[in-house]
Amino acid sequence: MHGRLKVKSTAEQQEAKRKEREKKLKLYNAATTKIFSKKTNGELDEELLYLCGEVLSANPDFYTLWNYRKEVFLELRESKSTTELQNLFLSELFFLESCLKMNPKSYGTWHHRCFVLDTMPQPDWTRELELCNQFLKYDERNFHCWDYRRFIVKRAKVSPEAELEFSMSKISNNFSNYSSWHYRSKLLPLIHPDPTQPMGVSEEAMLKEYELVQNGFFTDPDDQSNWFYHRWLMGR
């Protein structure tokens, strides 16, 4: 009838989706073919950067293309001013965030972010720590993000004491946070070293950790995270 919107049937909707997928696949394959052609010809330019970005937006786990982007950035570094490079790398960080939102556990994306921060003229380590906080709120067991956090902490010279407090805040929110317990096992030997003790941590500090993990047992006796940490405390 006139004036009414035609509602597509299920079959029509499926066909439209199929055509859209086919279209995207053709564009994806065409971009990939051109990328490999340009790389073979040694064309490490901004067009290659753009093409890699198009493909990685759809598939952040295409690890080879992150390496290509790295090569392009190293090439551009020779011809760009400091300001131009800073802006280029800032854009890359925003692009990486969009990829991480698509797949927060993409190893290639986190690894490339390390390269960008190490290469750009003026990295903002404070912002990166906050980014880690946000992703760990979303998934506290994301070990890729935990690894990235350790990288940032080292570069930003964050104290082990501050990170121990951070791990405590995560455990207070959830005693099942295995990654936070594990992080404590790496931090304690730095804060309370005692080479005469089996785990390299002072007896006083270890006793406090025993008390802490016992609270976890009372909260959830069946949780494996507490027991794994307890095994570490026992030197097993």
Protein backbone atom coordinates (compact mmCIF):
# COMPACT_ATOMS: atom_id res chain seq x y z
CA MET A 1 0.00 0.00 0.00
CA HIS A 2 1.07 3.57 -0.63
CA GLY A 3 2.76 5.34 2.26
CA ARG A 4 3.87 2.12 3.94
CA LEU A 5 7.46 1.05 4.23
CA LYS A 6 8.12 -2.28 2.59
CA VAL A 7 9.57 -4.70 5.14
CA LYS A 8 12.09 -7.10 3.66
CA SER A 9 11.43 -10.79 4.15
CA THR A 10 13.93 -12.97 6.02
CA ALA A 11 15.14 -14.43 2.71
CA GLU A 12 15.64 -10.95 1.26
CA GLN A 13 17.53 -9.84 4.36
CA GLN A 14 19.80 -12.87 4.19
CA GLU A 15 20.46 -12.28 0.50
CA ALA A 16 21.31 -8.62 1.16
CA LYS A 17 23.71 -9.66 3.92
CA ARG A 18 25.31 -12.26 1.63
CA LYS A 19 25.89 -9.65 -1.08
CA GLU A 20 27.35 -7.24 1.47
CA ARG A 21 29.73 -9.95 2.73
CA GLU A 22 30.78 -10.74 -0.84
CA LYS A 23 31.43 -7.06 -1.52
CA LYS A 24 33.56 -6.71 1.62
CA LEU A 25 35.47 -9.90 0.81
CA LYS A 26 36.30 -8.63 -2.70
CA LEU A 27 37.55 -5.33 -1.29
CA TYR A 28 39.55 -7.20 1.38
CA ASN A 29 41.17 -9.50 -1.19
CA ALA A 30 41.90 -6.64 -3.59
CA ALA A 31 43.55 -4.60 -0.82
CA THR A 32 45.58 -7.61 0.34
CA THR A 33 46.80 -8.31 -3.21
CA LYS A 34 47.86 -4.69 -3.67
CA ILE A 35 49.61 -4.67 -0.28
CA PHE A 36 51.79 -7.65 -1.17
CA SER A 37 52.53 -6.16 -4.58
CA LYS A 38 53.66 -2.84 -3.09
CA LYS A 39 55.74 -4.61 -0.46
CA THR A 40 57.44 -6.75 -3.12
CA ASN A 41 58.24 -3.57 -5.06
CA GLY A 42 59.63 -1.88 -1.95
CA GLU A 43 56.94 0.83 -1.95
CA LEU A 44 56.95 1.66 1.77
CA ASP A 45 54.72 4.71 1.51
CA GLU A 46 51.56 6.19 3.03
CA GLU A 47 49.37 4.36 0.52
CA LEU A 48 50.70 1.06 1.89
CA LEU A 49 49.97 2.36 5.39
CA TYR A 50 46.39 3.15 4.34
CA LEU A 51 45.83 -0.22 2.66
CA CYS A 52 47.18 -2.14 5.66
CA GLY A 53 44.86 -0.09 7.86
CA GLU A 54 41.85 -1.04 5.75
CA VAL A 55 42.59 -4.75 6.08
CA LEU A 56 43.57 -4.60 9.76
CA SER A 57 40.34 -2.77 10.56
CA ALA A 58 38.55 -5.93 9.45
CA ASN A 59 41.12 -8.40 10.75
CA PRO A 60 43.46 -7.11 13.52
CA ASP A 61 45.09 -10.55 13.79
CA PHE A 62 46.78 -10.28 10.37
CA TYR A 63 50.18 -10.12 12.09
CA THR A 64 52.26 -9.71 8.90
CA LEU A 65 50.57 -6.40 8.14
CA TRP A 66 51.55 -4.96 11.53
CA ASN A 67 55.15 -5.68 10.56
CA TYR A 68 54.57 -3.88 7.24
CA ARG A 69 53.18 -0.86 9.08
CA LYS A 70 56.25 -0.85 11.29
CA GLU A 71 58.51 -0.81 8.22
CA VAL A 72 56.54 2.07 6.71
CA PHE A 73 56.83 4.12 9.90
CA LEU A 74 60.58 3.54 10.06
CA GLU A 75 60.84 4.65 6.44
CA LEU A 76 58.70 7.77 7.01
CA ARG A 77 60.75 8.67 10.05
CA GLU A 78 63.62 9.58 7.74
CA SER A 79 61.62 12.25 5.88
CA LYS A 80 59.12 13.63 8.42
CA SER A 81 59.62 16.45 10.92
CA THR A 82 59.28 15.76 14.65
CA THR A 83 55.83 17.38 14.70
CA GLU A 84 54.67 15.40 11.67
CA LEU A 85 55.90 12.18 13.22
CA GLN A 86 54.21 12.92 16.54
CA ASN A 87 50.88 13.53 14.78
CA LEU A 88 51.31 10.42 12.64
CA PHE A 89 51.95 8.26 15.69
CA LEU A 90 49.06 9.81 17.63
CA SER A 91 46.76 8.83 14.76
CA GLU A 92 48.22 5.34 14.90
CA LEU A 93 47.44 5.06 18.62
CA PHE A 94 43.80 5.98 17.99
CA PHE A 95 43.67 3.45 15.15
CA LEU A 96 45.11 0.79 17.46
CA GLU A 97 42.46 1.52 20.08
CA SER A 98 39.74 0.89 17.52
CA CYS A 99 41.38 -2.45 16.64
CA LEU A 100 41.65 -3.39 20.32
CA LYS A 101 37.97 -2.64 20.85
CA MET A 102 37.28 -5.16 18.08
CA ASN A 103 39.64 -7.74 19.57
CA PRO A 104 41.10 -6.87 23.01
CA LYS A 105 43.26 -10.01 22.93
CA SER A 106 45.00 -9.35 19.63
CA TYR A 107 48.69 -9.98 20.33
CA GLY A 108 49.79 -8.19 17.14
CA THR A 109 47.87 -5.05 18.04
CA TRP A 110 49.32 -4.79 21.57
CA HIS A 111 52.81 -5.56 20.27
CA HIS A 112 52.57 -2.86 17.60
CA ARG A 113 51.42 -0.38 20.24
CA CYS A 114 54.67 -1.05 22.13
CA PHE A 115 56.60 -0.20 18.96
CA VAL A 116 54.66 3.04 18.47
CA LEU A 117 55.23 4.22 22.05
CA ASP A 118 58.93 3.38 21.84
CA THR A 119 59.33 5.18 18.50
CA MET A 120 57.18 8.31 18.77
CA PRO A 121 58.89 11.56 19.88
CA GLN A 122 56.67 12.27 22.91
CA PRO A 123 54.86 9.24 24.35
CA ASP A 124 52.20 9.85 27.00
CA TRP A 125 52.82 7.05 29.50
CA THR A 126 50.15 8.29 31.92
CA ARG A 127 47.49 7.96 29.24
CA GLU A 128 48.69 4.46 28.43
CA LEU A 129 48.36 3.39 32.06
CA GLU A 130 44.81 4.70 32.07
CA LEU A 131 44.13 2.77 28.86
CA CYS A 132 45.31 -0.40 30.61
CA ASN A 133 43.00 0.37 33.53
CA GLN A 134 40.04 0.66 31.19
CA PHE A 135 40.76 -2.59 29.35
CA LEU A 136 41.36 -4.46 32.62
CA LYS A 137 38.01 -3.21 33.89
CA TYR A 138 36.46 -4.78 30.81
CA ASP A 139 38.41 -8.04 31.19
CA GLU A 140 40.62 -8.43 34.26
CA ARG A 141 42.12 -11.67 32.90
CA ASN A 142 43.36 -10.20 29.61
CA PHE A 143 46.98 -11.34 29.88
CA HIS A 144 47.94 -9.40 26.73
CA CYS A 145 46.91 -6.21 28.52
CA TRP A 146 48.76 -7.27 31.67
CA ASP A 147 51.92 -7.81 29.61
CA TYR A 148 51.44 -4.41 28.00
CA ARG A 149 50.96 -2.85 31.43
CA ARG A 150 54.30 -4.27 32.59
CA PHE A 151 55.91 -2.74 29.50
CA ILE A 152 54.36 0.68 30.27
CA VAL A 153 55.24 0.49 33.97
CA LYS A 154 58.88 -0.13 33.08
CA ARG A 155 59.03 2.73 30.58
CA ALA A 156 57.14 5.13 32.85
CA LYS A 157 59.25 4.14 35.86
CA VAL A 158 56.19 3.41 37.99
CA SER A 159 57.28 2.08 41.38
CA PRO A 160 56.69 -1.58 42.30
CA GLU A 161 54.93 -0.30 45.44
CA ALA A 162 52.39 1.60 43.33
CA GLU A 163 51.77 -1.49 41.21
CA LEU A 164 51.35 -3.66 44.31
CA GLU A 165 48.63 -1.24 45.43
CA PHE A 166 47.06 -1.53 41.99
CA SER A 167 47.05 -5.33 42.23
CA MET A 168 45.45 -5.04 45.67
CA SER A 169 42.67 -2.85 44.27
CA LYS A 170 41.93 -5.46 41.58
CA ILE A 171 41.93 -8.29 44.14
CA SER A 172 39.64 -6.31 46.45
CA ASN A 173 37.16 -6.07 43.59
CA ASN A 174 37.46 -9.75 42.78
CA PHE A 175 39.42 -12.39 44.71
CA SER A 176 39.22 -14.60 41.61
CA ASN A 177 41.52 -12.27 39.67
CA TYR A 178 44.35 -14.73 39.01
CA SER A 179 46.36 -12.20 36.97
CA SER A 180 46.53 -9.83 39.95
CA TRP A 181 47.69 -12.60 42.29
CA HIS A 182 50.35 -13.58 39.77
CA TYR A 183 51.45 -9.95 39.44
CA ARG A 184 52.02 -9.81 43.20
CA SER A 185 54.38 -12.78 42.97
CA LYS A 186 56.52 -10.73 40.56
CA LEU A 187 56.41 -7.52 42.60
CA LEU A 188 57.05 -8.80 46.12
CA PRO A 189 60.68 -9.89 45.50
CA LEU A 190 61.37 -6.34 44.26
CA ILE A 191 59.76 -4.64 47.27
CA HIS A 192 60.65 -7.04 50.10
CA PRO A 193 63.74 -8.90 48.89
CA ASP A 194 65.36 -11.52 51.11
CA PRO A 195 67.70 -13.92 49.29
CA THR A 196 67.80 -16.20 52.34
CA GLN A 197 64.10 -17.08 51.94
CA PRO A 198 62.89 -19.78 49.48
CA MET A 199 60.81 -17.34 47.38
CA GLY A 200 63.25 -14.45 47.76
CA VAL A 201 60.71 -12.47 49.82
CA SER A 202 61.03 -11.45 53.48
CA GLU A 203 59.23 -13.62 56.02
CA GLU A 204 57.17 -10.69 57.32
CA ALA A 205 55.87 -9.87 53.84
CA MET A 206 55.07 -13.53 53.18
CA LEU A 207 53.04 -13.78 56.39
CA LYS A 208 50.95 -10.80 55.30
CA GLU A 209 50.34 -12.50 51.96
CA TYR A 210 49.22 -15.67 53.77
CA GLU A 211 46.65 -13.59 55.65
CA LEU A 212 45.50 -11.99 52.43
CA VAL A 213 45.05 -15.25 50.56
CA GLN A 214 43.19 -16.76 53.54
CA ASN A 215 40.60 -14.01 53.14
CA GLY A 216 40.19 -15.28 49.60
CA PHE A 217 39.61 -18.82 50.87
CA PHE A 218 36.84 -17.60 53.19
CA THR A 219 35.24 -15.62 50.35
CA ASP A 220 35.27 -18.53 47.88
CA PRO A 221 36.91 -21.79 49.06
CA ASP A 222 36.59 -23.37 45.59
CA ASP A 223 38.24 -20.57 43.64
CA GLN A 224 41.43 -21.78 41.92
CA SER A 225 43.13 -18.37 41.77
CA ASN A 226 43.64 -18.25 45.54
CA TRP A 227 44.94 -21.81 45.64
CA PHE A 228 47.44 -21.21 42.84
CA TYR A 229 48.82 -18.21 44.71
CA HIS A 230 48.89 -20.22 47.93
CA ARG A 231 51.00 -22.85 46.17
CA TRP A 232 53.46 -20.12 45.16
CA LEU A 233 53.63 -18.88 48.75
CA MET A 234 54.38 -22.43 49.87
CA GLY A 235 57.22 -22.61 47.35
CA ARG A 236 55.60 -25.31 45.22
